[in-house]
PDB file of N, CA and C in Angstrom:
ATOM      1  N   UNK A   1      -2.574   1.975  35.268  1.00  0.00           N
ATOM      2  CA  UNK A   1      -2.476   0.541  35.183  1.00  0.00           C
ATOM      3  C   UNK A   1      -3.848  -0.097  35.010  1.00  0.00           C
ATOM      4  N   UNK A   2      -4.879   0.557  35.532  1.00  0.00           N
ATOM      5  CA  UNK A   2      -6.221   0.020  35.412  1.00  0.00           C
ATOM      6  C   UNK A   2      -6.634  -0.089  33.951  1.00  0.00           C
ATOM      7  N   UNK A   3      -6.285   0.911  33.125  1.00  0.00           N
ATOM      8  CA  UNK A   3      -6.669   0.854  31.717  1.00  0.00           C
ATOM      9  C   UNK A   3      -6.004  -0.329  30.998  1.00  0.00           C
ATOM     10  N   UNK A   4      -4.781  -0.668  31.362  1.00  0.00           N
ATOM     11  CA  UNK A   4      -4.108  -1.820  30.750  1.00  0.00           C
ATOM     12  C   UNK A   4      -4.859  -3.096  31.095  1.00  0.00           C
ATOM     13  N   UNK A   5      -5.195  -3.271  32.372  1.00  0.00           N
ATOM     14  CA  UNK A   5      -5.925  -4.463  32.796  1.00  0.00           C
ATOM     15  C   UNK A   5      -7.295  -4.541  32.136  1.00  0.00           C
ATOM     16  N   UNK A   6      -7.975  -3.412  32.052  1.00  0.00           N
ATOM     17  CA  UNK A   6      -9.295  -3.381  31.415  1.00  0.00           C
ATOM     18  C   UNK A   6      -9.202  -3.756  29.940  1.00  0.00           C
ATOM     19  N   UNK A   7      -8.231  -3.173  29.238  1.00  0.00           N
ATOM     20  CA  UNK A   7      -8.077  -3.471  27.817  1.00  0.00           C
ATOM     21  C   UNK A   7      -7.684  -4.931  27.609  1.00  0.00           C
ATOM     22  N   UNK A   8      -6.808  -5.445  28.450  1.00  0.00           N
ATOM     23  CA  UNK A   8      -6.418  -6.855  28.316  1.00  0.00           C
ATOM     24  C   UNK A   8      -7.626  -7.761  28.523  1.00  0.00           C
ATOM     25  N   UNK A   9      -8.468  -7.447  29.492  1.00  0.00           N
ATOM     26  CA  UNK A   9      -9.660  -8.248  29.741  1.00  0.00           C
ATOM     27  C   UNK A   9     -10.607  -8.209  28.533  1.00  0.00           C
ATOM     28  N   UNK A  10     -10.768  -7.038  27.937  1.00  0.00           N
ATOM     29  CA  UNK A  10     -11.628  -6.907  26.759  1.00  0.00           C
ATOM     30  C   UNK A  10     -11.057  -7.713  25.592  1.00  0.00           C
ATOM     31  N   UNK A  11      -9.756  -7.615  25.365  1.00  0.00           N
ATOM     32  CA  UNK A  11      -9.139  -8.354  24.260  1.00  0.00           C
ATOM     33  C   UNK A  11      -9.179  -9.867  24.496  1.00  0.00           C
ATOM     34  N   UNK A  12      -9.056 -10.293  25.721  1.00  0.00           N
ATOM     35  CA  UNK A  12      -9.150 -11.721  26.034  1.00  0.00           C
ATOM     36  C   UNK A  12     -10.572 -12.269  25.830  1.00  0.00           C
ATOM     37  N   UNK A  13     -11.560 -11.397  25.904  1.00  0.00           N
ATOM     38  CA  UNK A  13     -12.957 -11.826  25.744  1.00  0.00           C
ATOM     39  C   UNK A  13     -13.270 -12.226  24.304  1.00  0.00           C
ATOM     40  N   UNK A  14     -12.342 -11.981  23.407  1.00  0.00           N
ATOM     41  CA  UNK A  14     -12.446 -12.348  21.992  1.00  0.00           C
ATOM     42  C   UNK A  14     -13.604 -11.660  21.281  1.00  0.00           C
ATOM     43  N   UNK A  15     -13.913 -10.439  21.691  1.00  0.00           N
ATOM     44  CA  UNK A  15     -14.880  -9.646  20.949  1.00  0.00           C
ATOM     45  C   UNK A  15     -14.339  -9.453  19.540  1.00  0.00           C
ATOM     46  N   UNK A  16     -15.223  -9.409  18.570  1.00  0.00           N
ATOM     47  CA  UNK A  16     -14.770  -9.274  17.196  1.00  0.00           C
ATOM     48  C   UNK A  16     -14.311  -7.866  16.854  1.00  0.00           C
ATOM     49  N   UNK A  17     -14.851  -6.875  17.540  1.00  0.00           N
ATOM     50  CA  UNK A  17     -14.487  -5.495  17.249  1.00  0.00           C
ATOM     51  C   UNK A  17     -14.421  -4.704  18.544  1.00  0.00           C
ATOM     52  N   UNK A  18     -13.306  -4.028  18.746  1.00  0.00           N
ATOM     53  CA  UNK A  18     -13.127  -3.152  19.889  1.00  0.00           C
ATOM     54  C   UNK A  18     -12.658  -1.809  19.342  1.00  0.00           C
ATOM     55  N   UNK A  19     -13.368  -0.755  19.667  1.00  0.00           N
ATOM     56  CA  UNK A  19     -12.981   0.578  19.208  1.00  0.00           C
ATOM     57  C   UNK A  19     -12.357   1.355  20.359  1.00  0.00           C
ATOM     58  N   UNK A  20     -11.247   1.980  20.064  1.00  0.00           N
ATOM     59  CA  UNK A  20     -10.583   2.845  21.039  1.00  0.00           C
ATOM     60  C   UNK A  20     -10.572   4.245  20.434  1.00  0.00           C
ATOM     61  N   UNK A  21     -11.302   5.128  21.033  1.00  0.00           N
ATOM     62  CA  UNK A  21     -11.350   6.501  20.540  1.00  0.00           C
ATOM     63  C   UNK A  21     -10.445   7.349  21.423  1.00  0.00           C
ATOM     64  N   UNK A  22      -9.399   7.884  20.815  1.00  0.00           N
ATOM     65  CA  UNK A  22      -8.425   8.640  21.593  1.00  0.00           C
ATOM     66  C   UNK A  22      -7.710   9.653  20.705  1.00  0.00           C
ATOM     67  N   UNK A  23      -7.197  10.674  21.334  1.00  0.00           N
ATOM     68  CA  UNK A  23      -6.332  11.638  20.642  1.00  0.00           C
ATOM     69  C   UNK A  23      -4.865  11.278  20.881  1.00  0.00           C
ATOM     70  N   UNK A  24      -4.653  10.212  21.644  1.00  0.00           N
ATOM     71  CA  UNK A  24      -3.306   9.773  21.985  1.00  0.00           C
ATOM     72  C   UNK A  24      -2.997   8.452  21.283  1.00  0.00           C
ATOM     73  N   UNK A  25      -2.919   8.498  19.959  1.00  0.00           N
ATOM     74  CA  UNK A  25      -2.725   7.295  19.165  1.00  0.00           C
ATOM     75  C   UNK A  25      -1.448   6.549  19.544  1.00  0.00           C
ATOM     76  N   UNK A  26      -0.359   7.251  19.705  1.00  0.00           N
ATOM     77  CA  UNK A  26       0.923   6.616  20.030  1.00  0.00           C
ATOM     78  C   UNK A  26       0.809   5.859  21.356  1.00  0.00           C
ATOM     79  N   UNK A  27       0.178   6.476  22.320  1.00  0.00           N
ATOM     80  CA  UNK A  27       0.009   5.836  23.632  1.00  0.00           C
ATOM     81  C   UNK A  27      -0.888   4.597  23.515  1.00  0.00           C
ATOM     82  N   UNK A  28      -1.960   4.687  22.753  1.00  0.00           N
ATOM     83  CA  UNK A  28      -2.874   3.554  22.579  1.00  0.00           C
ATOM     84  C   UNK A  28      -2.175   2.384  21.889  1.00  0.00           C
ATOM     85  N   UNK A  29      -1.399   2.666  20.851  1.00  0.00           N
ATOM     86  CA  UNK A  29      -0.671   1.606  20.145  1.00  0.00           C
ATOM     87  C   UNK A  29       0.348   0.964  21.086  1.00  0.00           C
ATOM     88  N   UNK A  30       1.046   1.779  21.836  1.00  0.00           N
ATOM     89  CA  UNK A  30       2.027   1.264  22.798  1.00  0.00           C
ATOM     90  C   UNK A  30       1.341   0.360  23.827  1.00  0.00           C
ATOM     91  N   UNK A  31       0.162   0.743  24.271  1.00  0.00           N
ATOM     92  CA  UNK A  31      -0.587  -0.053  25.242  1.00  0.00           C
ATOM     93  C   UNK A  31      -0.981  -1.406  24.648  1.00  0.00           C
ATOM     94  N   UNK A  32      -1.512  -1.407  23.437  1.00  0.00           N
ATOM     95  CA  UNK A  32      -1.897  -2.661  22.782  1.00  0.00           C
ATOM     96  C   UNK A  32      -0.660  -3.533  22.547  1.00  0.00           C
ATOM     97  N   UNK A  33       0.440  -2.910  22.125  1.00  0.00           N
ATOM     98  CA  UNK A  33       1.679  -3.670  21.895  1.00  0.00           C
ATOM     99  C   UNK A  33       2.185  -4.311  23.190  1.00  0.00           C
ATOM    100  N   UNK A  34       1.967  -3.661  24.327  1.00  0.00           N
ATOM    101  CA  UNK A  34       2.433  -4.221  25.601  1.00  0.00           C
ATOM    102  C   UNK A  34       1.572  -5.402  26.053  1.00  0.00           C
ATOM    103  N   UNK A  35       0.317  -5.442  25.615  1.00  0.00           N
ATOM    104  CA  UNK A  35      -0.609  -6.510  26.005  1.00  0.00           C
ATOM    105  C   UNK A  35      -0.517  -7.715  25.072  1.00  0.00           C
ATOM    106  N   UNK A  36      -0.238  -7.482  23.805  1.00  0.00           N
ATOM    107  CA  UNK A  36      -0.299  -8.521  22.773  1.00  0.00           C
ATOM    108  C   UNK A  36       0.533  -9.774  23.077  1.00  0.00           C
ATOM    109  N   UNK A  37       1.771  -9.684  23.548  1.00  0.00           N
ATOM    110  CA  UNK A  37       2.534 -10.916  23.808  1.00  0.00           C
ATOM    111  C   UNK A  37       1.840 -11.859  24.801  1.00  0.00           C
ATOM    112  N   UNK A  38       1.186 -11.312  25.808  1.00  0.00           N
ATOM    113  CA  UNK A  38       0.486 -12.146  26.791  1.00  0.00           C
ATOM    114  C   UNK A  38      -0.726 -12.835  26.170  1.00  0.00           C
ATOM    115  N   UNK A  39      -1.262 -12.270  25.114  1.00  0.00           N
ATOM    116  CA  UNK A  39      -2.435 -12.849  24.456  1.00  0.00           C
ATOM    117  C   UNK A  39      -2.044 -13.910  23.432  1.00  0.00           C
ATOM    118  N   UNK A  40      -0.760 -13.980  23.122  1.00  0.00           N
ATOM    119  CA  UNK A  40      -0.236 -14.932  22.136  1.00  0.00           C
ATOM    120  C   UNK A  40      -0.963 -14.799  20.798  1.00  0.00           C
ATOM    121  N   UNK A  41      -1.138 -13.560  20.374  1.00  0.00           N
ATOM    122  CA  UNK A  41      -1.778 -13.245  19.102  1.00  0.00           C
ATOM    123  C   UNK A  41      -0.836 -12.362  18.289  1.00  0.00           C
ATOM    124  N   UNK A  42      -0.840 -12.505  16.978  1.00  0.00           N
ATOM    125  CA  UNK A  42      -0.073 -11.552  16.171  1.00  0.00           C
ATOM    126  C   UNK A  42      -0.777 -10.194  16.173  1.00  0.00           C
ATOM    127  N   UNK A  43      -0.010  -9.150  15.994  1.00  0.00           N
ATOM    128  CA  UNK A  43      -0.540  -7.788  15.968  1.00  0.00           C
ATOM    129  C   UNK A  43      -0.125  -7.136  14.661  1.00  0.00           C
ATOM    130  N   UNK A  44      -1.108  -6.610  13.948  1.00  0.00           N
ATOM    131  CA  UNK A  44      -0.848  -5.878  12.703  1.00  0.00           C
ATOM    132  C   UNK A  44      -1.549  -4.540  12.780  1.00  0.00           C
ATOM    133  N   UNK A  45      -1.050  -3.580  12.020  1.00  0.00           N
ATOM    134  CA  UNK A  45      -1.730  -2.294  11.963  1.00  0.00           C
ATOM    135  C   UNK A  45      -1.937  -1.895  10.507  1.00  0.00           C
ATOM    136  N   UNK A  46      -2.845  -0.964  10.298  1.00  0.00           N
ATOM    137  CA  UNK A  46      -3.130  -0.433   8.969  1.00  0.00           C
ATOM    138  C   UNK A  46      -3.014   1.068   9.025  1.00  0.00           C
ATOM    139  N   UNK A  47      -2.272   1.625   8.071  1.00  0.00           N
ATOM    140  CA  UNK A  47      -2.239   3.070   7.833  1.00  0.00           C
ATOM    141  C   UNK A  47      -2.350   3.273   6.334  1.00  0.00           C
ATOM    142  N   UNK A  48      -2.947   4.361   5.933  1.00  0.00           N
ATOM    143  CA  UNK A  48      -3.231   4.613   4.520  1.00  0.00           C
ATOM    144  C   UNK A  48      -1.971   4.595   3.657  1.00  0.00           C
ATOM    145  N   UNK A  49      -0.848   5.036   4.196  1.00  0.00           N
ATOM    146  CA  UNK A  49       0.371   5.121   3.389  1.00  0.00           C
ATOM    147  C   UNK A  49       1.081   3.782   3.203  1.00  0.00           C
ATOM    148  N   UNK A  50       0.939   2.870   4.172  1.00  0.00           N
ATOM    149  CA  UNK A  50       1.670   1.603   4.118  1.00  0.00           C
ATOM    150  C   UNK A  50       0.786   0.379   3.983  1.00  0.00           C
ATOM    151  N   UNK A  51      -0.501   0.516   4.204  1.00  0.00           N
ATOM    152  CA  UNK A  51      -1.386  -0.646   4.192  1.00  0.00           C
ATOM    153  C   UNK A  51      -1.224  -1.444   5.471  1.00  0.00           C
ATOM    154  N   UNK A  52      -1.471  -2.747   5.405  1.00  0.00           N
ATOM    155  CA  UNK A  52      -1.378  -3.606   6.583  1.00  0.00           C
ATOM    156  C   UNK A  52       0.064  -4.063   6.763  1.00  0.00           C
ATOM    157  N   UNK A  53       0.562  -3.881   7.978  1.00  0.00           N
ATOM    158  CA  UNK A  53       1.925  -4.314   8.311  1.00  0.00           C
ATOM    159  C   UNK A  53       1.919  -5.054   9.637  1.00  0.00           C
ATOM    160  N   UNK A  54       2.739  -6.078   9.738  1.00  0.00           N
ATOM    161  CA  UNK A  54       2.859  -6.847  10.966  1.00  0.00           C
ATOM    162  C   UNK A  54       3.705  -6.072  11.972  1.00  0.00           C
ATOM    163  N   UNK A  55       3.243  -6.001  13.226  1.00  0.00           N
ATOM    164  CA  UNK A  55       4.006  -5.345  14.284  1.00  0.00           C
ATOM    165  C   UNK A  55       4.621  -6.353  15.248  1.00  0.00           C
ATOM    166  N   UNK A  56       3.843  -7.388  15.608  1.00  0.00           N
ATOM    167  CA  UNK A  56       4.302  -8.398  16.560  1.00  0.00           C
ATOM    168  C   UNK A  56       3.843  -9.769  16.073  1.00  0.00           C
ATOM    169  N   UNK A  57       4.727 -10.720  16.106  1.00  0.00           N
ATOM    170  CA  UNK A  57       4.373 -12.089  15.738  1.00  0.00           C
ATOM    171  C   UNK A  57       4.344 -12.284  14.236  1.00  0.00           C
ATOM    172  N   UNK A  58       3.956 -13.481  13.832  1.00  0.00           N
ATOM    173  CA  UNK A  58       3.851 -13.799  12.419  1.00  0.00           C
ATOM    174  C   UNK A  58       2.643 -13.090  11.831  1.00  0.00           C
ATOM    175  N   UNK A  59       2.828 -12.509  10.685  1.00  0.00           N
ATOM    176  CA  UNK A  59       1.719 -11.828  10.012  1.00  0.00           C
ATOM    177  C   UNK A  59       0.618 -12.830   9.719  1.00  0.00           C
ATOM    178  N   UNK A  60      -0.612 -12.367   9.769  1.00  0.00           N
ATOM    179  CA  UNK A  60      -1.746 -13.242   9.486  1.00  0.00           C
ATOM    180  C   UNK A  60      -1.980 -13.369   7.983  1.00  0.00           C
ATOM    181  N   UNK A  61      -1.087 -12.788   7.208  1.00  0.00           N
ATOM    182  CA  UNK A  61      -1.208 -12.812   5.755  1.00  0.00           C
ATOM    183  C   UNK A  61       0.187 -12.692   5.170  1.00  0.00           C
ATOM    184  N   UNK A  62       0.331 -13.095   3.925  1.00  0.00           N
ATOM    185  CA  UNK A  62       1.585 -12.948   3.206  1.00  0.00           C
ATOM    186  C   UNK A  62       1.382 -11.843   2.169  1.00  0.00           C
ATOM    187  N   UNK A  63       1.951 -10.667   2.371  1.00  0.00           N
ATOM    188  CA  UNK A  63       1.690  -9.550   1.461  1.00  0.00           C
ATOM    189  C   UNK A  63       2.058  -9.825   0.007  1.00  0.00           C
ATOM    190  N   UNK A  64       2.981 -10.761  -0.235  1.00  0.00           N
ATOM    191  CA  UNK A  64       3.351 -11.026  -1.629  1.00  0.00           C
ATOM    192  C   UNK A  64       2.421 -12.046  -2.285  1.00  0.00           C
ATOM    193  N   UNK A  65       1.532 -12.636  -1.510  1.00  0.00           N
ATOM    194  CA  UNK A  65       0.638 -13.653  -2.072  1.00  0.00           C
ATOM    195  C   UNK A  65      -0.782 -13.504  -1.537  1.00  0.00           C
ATOM    196  N   UNK A  66      -1.252 -12.258  -1.459  1.00  0.00           N
ATOM    197  CA  UNK A  66      -2.599 -12.029  -0.936  1.00  0.00           C
ATOM    198  C   UNK A  66      -3.637 -12.638  -1.861  1.00  0.00           C
ATOM    199  N   UNK A  67      -4.546 -13.373  -1.258  1.00  0.00           N
ATOM    200  CA  UNK A  67      -5.675 -13.926  -2.001  1.00  0.00           C
ATOM    201  C   UNK A  67      -6.899 -13.831  -1.112  1.00  0.00           C
ATOM    202  N   UNK A  68      -7.999 -13.474  -1.697  1.00  0.00           N
ATOM    203  CA  UNK A  68      -9.261 -13.427  -0.967  1.00  0.00           C
ATOM    204  C   UNK A  68     -10.094 -14.628  -1.361  1.00  0.00           C
ATOM    205  N   UNK A  69     -11.086 -14.942  -0.568  1.00  0.00           N
ATOM    206  CA  UNK A  69     -11.974 -16.060  -0.864  1.00  0.00           C
ATOM    207  C   UNK A  69     -12.537 -15.881  -2.270  1.00  0.00           C
ATOM    208  N   UNK A  70     -12.414 -16.902  -3.098  1.00  0.00           N
ATOM    209  CA  UNK A  70     -12.946 -16.853  -4.459  1.00  0.00           C
ATOM    210  C   UNK A  70     -12.014 -16.252  -5.487  1.00  0.00           C
ATOM    211  N   UNK A  71     -10.881 -15.692  -5.062  1.00  0.00           N
ATOM    212  CA  UNK A  71      -9.941 -15.103  -6.015  1.00  0.00           C
ATOM    213  C   UNK A  71      -8.881 -16.124  -6.389  1.00  0.00           C
ATOM    214  N   UNK A  72      -8.598 -16.241  -7.659  1.00  0.00           N
ATOM    215  CA  UNK A  72      -7.542 -17.140  -8.104  1.00  0.00           C
ATOM    216  C   UNK A  72      -6.178 -16.484  -8.008  1.00  0.00           C
ATOM    217  N   UNK A  73      -6.137 -15.189  -8.264  1.00  0.00           N
ATOM    218  CA  UNK A  73      -4.867 -14.468  -8.253  1.00  0.00           C
ATOM    219  C   UNK A  73      -5.130 -13.039  -7.800  1.00  0.00           C
ATOM    220  N   UNK A  74      -4.236 -12.489  -7.042  1.00  0.00           N
ATOM    221  CA  UNK A  74      -4.367 -11.116  -6.581  1.00  0.00           C
ATOM    222  C   UNK A  74      -3.246 -10.284  -7.194  1.00  0.00           C
ATOM    223  N   UNK A  75      -3.626  -9.262  -7.914  1.00  0.00           N
ATOM    224  CA  UNK A  75      -2.663  -8.342  -8.517  1.00  0.00           C
ATOM    225  C   UNK A  75      -2.396  -7.233  -7.502  1.00  0.00           C
ATOM    226  N   UNK A  76      -1.224  -7.273  -6.866  1.00  0.00           N
ATOM    227  CA  UNK A  76      -0.928  -6.304  -5.820  1.00  0.00           C
ATOM    228  C   UNK A  76      -0.868  -4.873  -6.329  1.00  0.00           C
ATOM    229  N   UNK A  77      -0.626  -4.689  -7.615  1.00  0.00           N
ATOM    230  CA  UNK A  77      -0.569  -3.323  -8.125  1.00  0.00           C
ATOM    231  C   UNK A  77      -1.951  -2.685  -8.143  1.00  0.00           C
ATOM    232  N   UNK A  78      -3.014  -3.479  -8.245  1.00  0.00           N
ATOM    233  CA  UNK A  78      -4.351  -2.905  -8.265  1.00  0.00           C
ATOM    234  C   UNK A  78      -5.108  -3.170  -6.968  1.00  0.00           C
ATOM    235  N   UNK A  79      -4.712  -4.173  -6.202  1.00  0.00           N
ATOM    236  CA  UNK A  79      -5.388  -4.496  -4.951  1.00  0.00           C
ATOM    237  C   UNK A  79      -4.411  -4.393  -3.790  1.00  0.00           C
ATOM    238  N   UNK A  80      -4.046  -3.200  -3.446  1.00  0.00           N
ATOM    239  CA  UNK A  80      -3.106  -2.977  -2.365  1.00  0.00           C
ATOM    240  C   UNK A  80      -3.860  -2.833  -1.053  1.00  0.00           C
ATOM    241  N   UNK A  81      -3.234  -3.253   0.037  1.00  0.00           N
ATOM    242  CA  UNK A  81      -3.883  -3.082   1.329  1.00  0.00           C
ATOM    243  C   UNK A  81      -3.910  -1.621   1.772  1.00  0.00           C
ATOM    244  N   UNK A  82      -3.356  -0.714   0.976  1.00  0.00           N
ATOM    245  CA  UNK A  82      -3.544   0.705   1.279  1.00  0.00           C
ATOM    246  C   UNK A  82      -4.960   1.146   0.916  1.00  0.00           C
ATOM    247  N   UNK A  83      -5.645   0.379   0.088  1.00  0.00           N
ATOM    248  CA  UNK A  83      -7.050   0.633  -0.244  1.00  0.00           C
ATOM    249  C   UNK A  83      -7.881   0.192   0.966  1.00  0.00           C
ATOM    250  N   UNK A  84      -8.606   1.093   1.626  1.00  0.00           N
ATOM    251  CA  UNK A  84      -9.329   0.746   2.850  1.00  0.00           C
ATOM    252  C   UNK A  84     -10.315  -0.411   2.680  1.00  0.00           C
ATOM    253  N   UNK A  85     -11.053  -0.423   1.598  1.00  0.00           N
ATOM    254  CA  UNK A  85     -12.038  -1.480   1.390  1.00  0.00           C
ATOM    255  C   UNK A  85     -11.344  -2.835   1.202  1.00  0.00           C
ATOM    256  N   UNK A  86     -10.281  -2.848   0.439  1.00  0.00           N
ATOM    257  CA  UNK A  86      -9.532  -4.089   0.223  1.00  0.00           C
ATOM    258  C   UNK A  86      -8.885  -4.553   1.534  1.00  0.00           C
ATOM    259  N   UNK A  87      -8.354  -3.617   2.316  1.00  0.00           N
ATOM    260  CA  UNK A  87      -7.734  -3.968   3.594  1.00  0.00           C
ATOM    261  C   UNK A  87      -8.745  -4.630   4.526  1.00  0.00           C
ATOM    262  N   UNK A  88      -9.964  -4.125   4.561  1.00  0.00           N
ATOM    263  CA  UNK A  88     -10.991  -4.741   5.399  1.00  0.00           C
ATOM    264  C   UNK A  88     -11.305  -6.160   4.943  1.00  0.00           C
ATOM    265  N   UNK A  89     -11.312  -6.382   3.641  1.00  0.00           N
ATOM    266  CA  UNK A  89     -11.560  -7.738   3.134  1.00  0.00           C
ATOM    267  C   UNK A  89     -10.405  -8.663   3.495  1.00  0.00           C
ATOM    268  N   UNK A  90      -9.183  -8.178   3.434  1.00  0.00           N
ATOM    269  CA  UNK A  90      -8.021  -8.990   3.807  1.00  0.00           C
ATOM    270  C   UNK A  90      -8.111  -9.357   5.296  1.00  0.00           C
ATOM    271  N   UNK A  91      -8.478  -8.393   6.133  1.00  0.00           N
ATOM    272  CA  UNK A  91      -8.629  -8.660   7.565  1.00  0.00           C
ATOM    273  C   UNK A  91      -9.742  -9.680   7.795  1.00  0.00           C
ATOM    274  N   UNK A  92     -10.848  -9.497   7.127  1.00  0.00           N
ATOM    275  CA  UNK A  92     -11.981 -10.420   7.278  1.00  0.00           C
ATOM    276  C   UNK A  92     -11.600 -11.839   6.870  1.00  0.00           C
ATOM    277  N   UNK A  93     -10.832 -11.978   5.811  1.00  0.00           N
ATOM    278  CA  UNK A  93     -10.508 -13.290   5.260  1.00  0.00           C
ATOM    279  C   UNK A  93      -9.192 -13.865   5.762  1.00  0.00           C
ATOM    280  N   UNK A  94      -8.585 -13.232   6.768  1.00  0.00           N
ATOM    281  CA  UNK A  94      -7.321 -13.739   7.305  1.00  0.00           C
ATOM    282  C   UNK A  94      -7.507 -15.170   7.788  1.00  0.00           C
ATOM    283  N   UNK A  95      -6.542 -16.007   7.501  1.00  0.00           N
ATOM    284  CA  UNK A  95      -6.617 -17.429   7.852  1.00  0.00           C
ATOM    285  C   UNK A  95      -6.347 -17.670   9.335  1.00  0.00           C
ATOM    286  N   UNK A  96      -5.713 -16.730   9.995  1.00  0.00           N
ATOM    287  CA  UNK A  96      -5.323 -16.876  11.390  1.00  0.00           C
ATOM    288  C   UNK A  96      -5.925 -15.713  12.180  1.00  0.00           C
ATOM    289  N   UNK A  97      -6.329 -15.969  13.410  1.00  0.00           N
ATOM    290  CA  UNK A  97      -6.842 -14.875  14.225  1.00  0.00           C
ATOM    291  C   UNK A  97      -5.689 -13.949  14.606  1.00  0.00           C
ATOM    292  N   UNK A  98      -6.018 -12.755  14.950  1.00  0.00           N
ATOM    293  CA  UNK A  98      -5.006 -11.788  15.337  1.00  0.00           C
ATOM    294  C   UNK A  98      -5.656 -10.481  15.715  1.00  0.00           C
ATOM    295  N   UNK A  99      -4.836  -9.539  16.101  1.00  0.00           N
ATOM    296  CA  UNK A  99      -5.312  -8.210  16.464  1.00  0.00           C
ATOM    297  C   UNK A  99      -4.876  -7.253  15.363  1.00  0.00           C
ATOM    298  N   UNK A 100      -5.828  -6.486  14.860  1.00  0.00           N
ATOM    299  CA  UNK A 100      -5.561  -5.504  13.814  1.00  0.00           C
ATOM    300  C   UNK A 100      -5.886  -4.120  14.341  1.00  0.00           C
ATOM    301  N   UNK A 101      -4.978  -3.191  14.125  1.00  0.00           N
ATOM    302  CA  UNK A 101      -5.199  -1.798  14.513  1.00  0.00           C
ATOM    303  C   UNK A 101      -5.346  -0.959  13.247  1.00  0.00           C
ATOM    304  N   UNK A 102      -6.569  -0.657  12.831  1.00  0.00           N
ATOM    305  CA  UNK A 102      -6.731   0.244  11.680  1.00  0.00           C
ATOM    306  C   UNK A 102      -6.634   1.694  12.182  1.00  0.00           C
ATOM    307  N   UNK A 103      -5.476   2.287  12.014  1.00  0.00           N
ATOM    308  CA  UNK A 103      -5.227   3.631  12.538  1.00  0.00           C
ATOM    309  C   UNK A 103      -5.774   4.689  11.583  1.00  0.00           C
ATOM    310  N   UNK A 104      -6.464   5.662  12.142  1.00  0.00           N
ATOM    311  CA  UNK A 104      -7.058   6.765  11.369  1.00  0.00           C
ATOM    312  C   UNK A 104      -7.963   6.254  10.255  1.00  0.00           C
ATOM    313  N   UNK A 105      -8.785   5.283  10.560  1.00  0.00           N
ATOM    314  CA  UNK A 105      -9.685   4.706   9.563  1.00  0.00           C
ATOM    315  C   UNK A 105     -10.997   5.481   9.451  1.00  0.00           C
ATOM    316  N   UNK A 106     -11.307   6.304  10.453  1.00  0.00           N
ATOM    317  CA  UNK A 106     -12.598   6.983  10.509  1.00  0.00           C
ATOM    318  C   UNK A 106     -12.951   7.836   9.289  1.00  0.00           C
ATOM    319  N   UNK A 107     -12.017   8.459   8.579  1.00  0.00           N
ATOM    320  CA  UNK A 107     -12.428   9.241   7.409  1.00  0.00           C
ATOM    321  C   UNK A 107     -13.059   8.392   6.303  1.00  0.00           C
ATOM    322  N   UNK A 108     -12.814   7.096   6.340  1.00  0.00           N
ATOM    323  CA  UNK A 108     -13.336   6.207   5.300  1.00  0.00           C
ATOM    324  C   UNK A 108     -14.680   5.606   5.683  1.00  0.00           C
ATOM    325  N   UNK A 109     -15.202   6.019   6.813  1.00  0.00           N
ATOM    326  CA  UNK A 109     -16.476   5.482   7.296  1.00  0.00           C
ATOM    327  C   UNK A 109     -17.556   6.559   7.326  1.00  0.00           C
ATOM    328  N   UNK A 110     -17.621   7.384   6.302  1.00  0.00           N
ATOM    329  CA  UNK A 110     -18.609   8.462   6.263  1.00  0.00           C
ATOM    330  C   UNK A 110     -20.027   7.937   6.257  1.00  0.00           C
ATOM    331  N   UNK A 111     -20.220   6.795   5.587  1.00  0.00           N
ATOM    332  CA  UNK A 111     -21.550   6.179   5.523  1.00  0.00           C
ATOM    333  C   UNK A 111     -21.408   4.728   5.964  1.00  0.00           C
ATOM    334  N   UNK A 112     -21.315   4.480   7.280  1.00  0.00           N
ATOM    335  CA  UNK A 112     -21.005   3.137   7.750  1.00  0.00           C
ATOM    336  C   UNK A 112     -22.071   2.078   7.427  1.00  0.00           C
ATOM    337  N   UNK A 113     -23.290   2.471   7.123  1.00  0.00           N
ATOM    338  CA  UNK A 113     -24.322   1.488   6.828  1.00  0.00           C
ATOM    339  C   UNK A 113     -24.398   1.129   5.350  1.00  0.00           C
ATOM    340  N   UNK A 114     -23.585   1.757   4.537  1.00  0.00           N
ATOM    341  CA  UNK A 114     -23.591   1.441   3.099  1.00  0.00           C
ATOM    342  C   UNK A 114     -22.385   0.568   2.784  1.00  0.00           C
ATOM    343  N   UNK A 115     -22.343   0.071   1.570  1.00  0.00           N
ATOM    344  CA  UNK A 115     -21.203  -0.737   1.145  1.00  0.00           C
ATOM    345  C   UNK A 115     -20.162   0.117   0.443  1.00  0.00           C
ATOM    346  N   UNK A 116     -20.356   1.410   0.457  1.00  0.00           N
ATOM    347  CA  UNK A 116     -19.457   2.325  -0.230  1.00  0.00           C
ATOM    348  C   UNK A 116     -18.639   3.103   0.776  1.00  0.00           C
ATOM    349  N   UNK A 117     -17.428   3.435   0.410  1.00  0.00           N
ATOM    350  CA  UNK A 117     -16.565   4.219   1.280  1.00  0.00           C
ATOM    351  C   UNK A 117     -16.466   5.677   0.848  1.00  0.00           C
ATOM    352  N   UNK A 118     -17.266   6.089  -0.123  1.00  0.00           N
ATOM    353  CA  UNK A 118     -17.149   7.461  -0.624  1.00  0.00           C
ATOM    354  C   UNK A 118     -17.713   8.407   0.336  1.00  0.00           C
TER     355      UNK A 118
END
C-alpha cells in the first residue's frame, strides 16, 4: 500500500516526467489505473502495435483528427501514433493535461541526447 501512496503523491506533484522501471508492467499499469480516477486526469498508454490509446477518461487527443502545432492537416496513414517520434510530439502538443504511459519505449531511446531515434 505504501507504493500506491508514494506514486499518488508523485503524480499529484505534477512532475512532467515520472519513470517507473519494473519487470512487472501489468502490475504497474494496474497501479496507475487505480490512482488515476482520484487525480481526475485522463490516462492514455502507448504501445508500438496500437499507438496511443485512451484507458481512462476522455482522450487528450482525437485520433481521427490529429494535428500538431504548425500542421494544417495530418495524414494518419503516414503519421501514425505507432511511430515513437510522432507519438512523443502528439503527447507534447496535447491540448489537455493527462497521464501517458509509454510502455516498452526504452528500445527507441538508444541515443537519448540526440534528436534521432535510430
